[in-house]
Amino acid sequence: NNCPLPEIKVPGGNGISEKIGEYIEQFIENGSTLQLGIGTIPDAVLKTLKHKKDLGIHSEMISDGVVELVESGVINCHKKSYLPGKLVVTFLIGTKKLYDFVDDNPMIMIAPVSFTNNPYVIAKNDQMISINSALQVDLVGQVASEAINYMQISGVGGQVDFVRGANLAENGKSIIAFPSTAKNGAISRIVCGLNAGTFITTSRNDVDYIVTEYGVAQLKNK
């Protein structure tokens, strides 16, 4: 029909998301393929990448932050080892700027989630970097991204798919990034152990890097 597409604008970043973005930038080498979603942290990461070259995208979704880097040539997908030249996603959400960018754009490949989120397909991308968020992480590395104390907040999305796909990829890395606290610093997101009703999304056996505004912890094999 002729109704305008719904638009979502990401709120402006803050010092915390920008610091997290700076830590993640060090893992993204020229020629890497990225998975990231919508929000202040993905946007903060994208803003640090203006000096990079030949980046690619294989992601469940993208938002407005990708458009500027494509237009500047930073994201061109030329060096992707799988589907070179194609920016692969399942869905898009953002503002009219994003929708105008993808309209009739031969670079964009929108595929079923059964393809895009298949860990074995994801792993075909060398230097695959997955960037996902969390509500809580405990000291053994268990990641909760869906519910806290039986309150469902989100779905699993593609987090586990992309964590495993990136871990299988040649020179791949998976990153869970989040602010260390919630409610203006009143509650720690890093806890000794997850409470009952706080469900594990990504197991400690899958976790690679954890990033907050305080730095980076590599938990793989620890």
Protein backbone atom coordinates (compact mmCIF):
# COMPACT_ATOMS: atom_id res chain seq x y z
CA ASN A 1 0.00 0.00 0.00
CA ASN A 2 0.99 3.64 0.01
CA CYS A 3 1.62 4.11 3.74
CA PRO A 4 5.10 5.46 4.50
CA LEU A 5 7.57 2.97 5.92
CA PRO A 6 7.99 3.08 9.70
CA GLU A 7 11.19 4.85 10.71
CA ILE A 8 13.42 4.34 13.75
CA LYS A 9 16.13 6.84 14.58
CA VAL A 10 18.91 5.77 16.93
CA PRO A 11 19.41 8.21 19.81
CA GLY A 12 22.72 10.01 19.97
CA GLY A 13 25.65 8.23 21.58
CA ASN A 14 27.31 9.04 24.86
CA GLY A 15 30.81 8.79 26.25
CA ILE A 16 30.30 5.18 27.30
CA SER A 17 29.19 3.90 23.89
CA GLU A 18 31.95 5.89 22.21
CA LYS A 19 34.59 4.37 24.51
CA ILE A 20 33.25 0.88 23.77
CA GLY A 21 33.38 1.68 20.06
CA GLU A 22 37.04 2.67 20.38
CA TYR A 23 37.92 -0.64 22.05
CA ILE A 24 36.12 -2.64 19.35
CA GLU A 25 37.77 -0.71 16.52
CA GLN A 26 41.13 -2.30 17.32
CA PHE A 27 39.75 -5.73 16.35
CA ILE A 28 38.49 -4.63 12.92
CA GLU A 29 41.23 -4.94 10.33
CA ASN A 30 41.01 -3.85 6.71
CA GLY A 31 39.05 -6.41 4.71
CA SER A 32 36.96 -7.62 7.68
CA THR A 33 33.30 -8.60 7.31
CA LEU A 34 30.99 -7.23 10.02
CA GLN A 35 27.78 -8.23 11.74
CA LEU A 36 26.18 -5.56 13.88
CA GLY A 37 22.69 -4.38 14.66
CA ILE A 38 20.94 -1.18 15.64
CA GLY A 39 21.71 0.98 18.65
CA THR A 40 24.19 3.40 20.14
CA ILE A 41 27.05 0.88 20.36
CA PRO A 42 26.88 -0.33 16.71
CA ASP A 43 26.68 3.30 15.59
CA ALA A 44 29.63 4.23 17.82
CA VAL A 45 31.66 1.38 16.29
CA LEU A 46 30.82 2.49 12.75
CA LYS A 47 31.94 6.05 13.51
CA THR A 48 35.43 4.78 14.40
CA LEU A 49 35.90 3.01 11.05
CA LYS A 50 36.21 5.95 8.67
CA HIS A 51 39.92 5.27 8.12
CA LYS A 52 39.45 1.54 7.36
CA LYS A 53 39.43 -0.03 3.90
CA ASP A 54 37.48 -2.72 2.06
CA LEU A 55 35.06 -3.70 4.83
CA GLY A 56 32.14 -6.01 4.15
CA ILE A 57 28.77 -6.73 5.75
CA HIS A 58 27.08 -10.08 6.44
CA SER A 59 24.49 -9.32 9.11
CA GLU A 60 21.00 -10.15 10.24
CA MET A 61 20.17 -6.47 9.86
CA ILE A 62 21.65 -3.05 9.20
CA SER A 63 20.59 0.48 10.02
CA ASP A 64 21.50 4.03 8.98
CA GLY A 65 25.04 3.90 10.33
CA VAL A 66 26.17 1.67 7.45
CA VAL A 67 25.07 4.08 4.71
CA GLU A 68 27.73 6.76 5.26
CA LEU A 69 30.54 4.18 5.23
CA VAL A 70 29.26 2.67 1.97
CA GLU A 71 28.99 6.11 0.36
CA SER A 72 32.55 6.96 1.46
CA GLY A 73 33.90 3.65 0.10
CA VAL A 74 34.95 2.20 3.48
CA ILE A 75 32.35 -0.56 3.13
CA ASN A 76 32.50 -1.91 -0.41
CA CYS A 77 32.41 -5.70 0.19
CA HIS A 78 35.15 -6.19 -2.44
CA LYS A 79 37.41 -8.28 -0.17
CA LYS A 80 34.72 -10.60 1.16
CA SER A 81 35.74 -14.23 0.74
CA TYR A 82 32.07 -15.22 0.31
CA LEU A 83 29.66 -13.29 -1.95
CA PRO A 84 32.16 -10.51 -2.75
CA GLY A 85 30.53 -7.23 -3.72
CA LYS A 86 27.31 -8.09 -1.90
CA LEU A 87 26.10 -6.54 1.35
CA VAL A 88 24.11 -9.46 2.80
CA VAL A 89 21.24 -8.94 5.27
CA THR A 90 17.86 -10.38 6.21
CA PHE A 91 16.08 -7.13 7.10
CA LEU A 92 16.61 -3.39 7.48
CA ILE A 93 15.23 -0.78 9.78
CA GLY A 94 16.11 2.88 10.12
CA THR A 95 15.10 6.14 8.50
CA LYS A 96 14.17 7.18 4.97
CA LYS A 97 17.87 7.72 4.30
CA LEU A 98 18.44 3.96 4.66
CA TYR A 99 15.38 3.01 2.62
CA ASP A 100 16.37 5.32 -0.24
CA PHE A 101 19.88 3.87 -0.15
CA VAL A 102 18.74 0.25 -0.52
CA ASP A 103 16.00 0.94 -3.09
CA ASP A 104 17.04 -0.72 -6.38
CA ASN A 105 20.62 -0.97 -5.11
CA PRO A 106 22.32 -3.98 -6.75
CA MET A 107 24.88 -4.13 -3.93
CA ILE A 108 22.21 -5.15 -1.42
CA MET A 109 21.37 -8.87 -1.13
CA ILE A 110 18.42 -9.58 1.14
CA ALA A 111 18.22 -13.30 1.91
CA PRO A 112 16.06 -15.53 4.15
CA VAL A 113 17.13 -15.72 7.79
CA SER A 114 17.73 -19.45 7.32
CA PHE A 115 20.58 -18.48 4.98
CA THR A 116 21.90 -15.27 6.53
CA ASN A 117 22.01 -16.64 10.08
CA ASN A 118 23.31 -20.11 9.23
CA PRO A 119 26.60 -20.40 11.18
CA TYR A 120 28.19 -22.42 8.38
CA VAL A 121 27.31 -19.72 5.85
CA ILE A 122 28.55 -17.00 8.20
CA ALA A 123 31.83 -18.90 8.66
CA LYS A 124 32.55 -18.70 4.92
CA ASN A 125 33.49 -15.05 5.51
CA ASP A 126 37.16 -14.79 6.49
CA GLN A 127 37.86 -12.16 9.18
CA MET A 128 34.22 -12.30 10.28
CA ILE A 129 33.59 -9.96 13.24
CA SER A 130 30.30 -10.31 15.12
CA ILE A 131 29.26 -7.55 17.52
CA ASN A 132 26.32 -8.20 19.85
CA SER A 133 24.97 -6.83 23.11
CA ALA A 134 23.96 -8.22 26.51
CA LEU A 135 21.87 -7.41 29.55
CA GLN A 136 24.14 -9.24 31.99
CA VAL A 137 27.33 -11.31 32.00
CA ASP A 138 28.52 -13.34 34.96
CA LEU A 139 32.06 -14.05 36.09
CA VAL A 140 32.26 -17.40 34.30
CA GLY A 141 31.28 -15.72 31.03
CA GLN A 142 27.63 -16.69 30.68
CA VAL A 143 25.79 -14.07 28.62
CA ALA A 144 22.14 -13.14 29.25
CA SER A 145 20.61 -11.03 26.47
CA GLU A 146 16.89 -11.86 26.65
CA ALA A 147 15.43 -11.81 30.17
CA ILE A 148 16.23 -10.81 33.74
CA ASN A 149 14.40 -12.24 36.76
CA TYR A 150 11.76 -13.88 34.53
CA MET A 151 11.01 -10.57 32.76
CA GLN A 152 11.33 -11.11 29.02
CA ILE A 153 12.98 -8.07 27.46
CA SER A 154 14.14 -9.25 24.05
CA GLY A 155 14.42 -12.28 21.81
CA VAL A 156 17.59 -14.18 21.04
CA GLY A 157 17.82 -12.73 17.52
CA GLY A 158 20.91 -13.86 15.66
CA GLN A 159 23.36 -13.54 18.55
CA VAL A 160 24.20 -17.22 19.00
CA ASP A 161 24.22 -17.86 15.24
CA PHE A 162 26.75 -15.10 14.61
CA VAL A 163 28.88 -15.85 17.68
CA ARG A 164 29.28 -19.43 16.47
CA GLY A 165 29.71 -18.44 12.83
CA ALA A 166 32.42 -15.92 13.68
CA ASN A 167 34.18 -18.44 15.91
CA LEU A 168 34.21 -20.94 13.04
CA ALA A 169 35.46 -18.41 10.48
CA GLU A 170 39.10 -18.09 9.48
CA ASN A 171 40.53 -15.29 11.66
CA GLY A 172 37.03 -14.58 13.00
CA LYS A 173 36.19 -12.89 16.30
CA SER A 174 32.96 -12.61 18.27
CA ILE A 175 32.42 -9.65 20.57
CA ILE A 176 29.77 -9.09 23.26
CA ALA A 177 29.71 -5.35 24.02
CA PHE A 178 27.65 -3.51 26.62
CA PRO A 179 27.84 -0.72 29.24
CA SER A 180 29.05 -2.09 32.58
CA THR A 181 26.06 -0.68 34.49
CA ALA A 182 22.35 0.05 34.08
CA LYS A 183 19.95 2.60 35.57
CA ASN A 184 22.51 5.42 35.61
CA GLY A 185 25.14 3.34 37.35
CA ALA A 186 22.87 1.93 40.05
CA ILE A 187 23.01 -1.70 38.85
CA SER A 188 26.01 -3.68 37.64
CA ARG A 189 25.55 -5.67 34.46
CA ILE A 190 28.53 -7.80 35.48
CA VAL A 191 27.41 -10.18 38.24
CA CYS A 192 28.89 -13.02 40.28
CA GLY A 193 26.19 -15.39 39.02
CA LEU A 194 22.98 -15.09 37.02
CA ASN A 195 19.77 -15.12 39.07
CA ALA A 196 17.01 -17.68 38.53
CA GLY A 197 14.90 -16.44 35.63
CA THR A 198 17.85 -14.73 33.96
CA PHE A 199 18.25 -17.06 31.01
CA ILE A 200 21.54 -17.83 29.31
CA THR A 201 21.64 -16.70 25.68
CA THR A 202 25.28 -17.38 24.79
CA SER A 203 27.07 -20.04 26.79
CA ARG A 204 30.47 -19.52 28.36
CA ASN A 205 31.81 -22.16 25.96
CA ASP A 206 30.98 -19.92 22.98
CA VAL A 207 32.07 -16.56 24.38
CA ASP A 208 35.18 -14.96 22.90
CA TYR A 209 35.58 -11.25 23.77
CA ILE A 210 33.64 -9.18 26.33
CA VAL A 211 33.91 -5.40 25.97
CA THR A 212 32.69 -2.62 28.28
CA GLU A 213 33.78 0.98 28.67
CA TYR A 214 36.48 -0.30 31.06
CA GLY A 215 38.23 -2.48 28.50
CA VAL A 216 38.38 -5.91 26.92
CA ALA A 217 38.37 -9.41 28.45
CA GLN A 218 39.12 -12.38 26.21
CA LEU A 219 37.39 -15.34 27.82
CA LYS A 220 37.81 -17.94 25.08
CA ASN A 221 39.23 -21.18 26.53
CA LYS A 222 39.38 -19.66 30.02
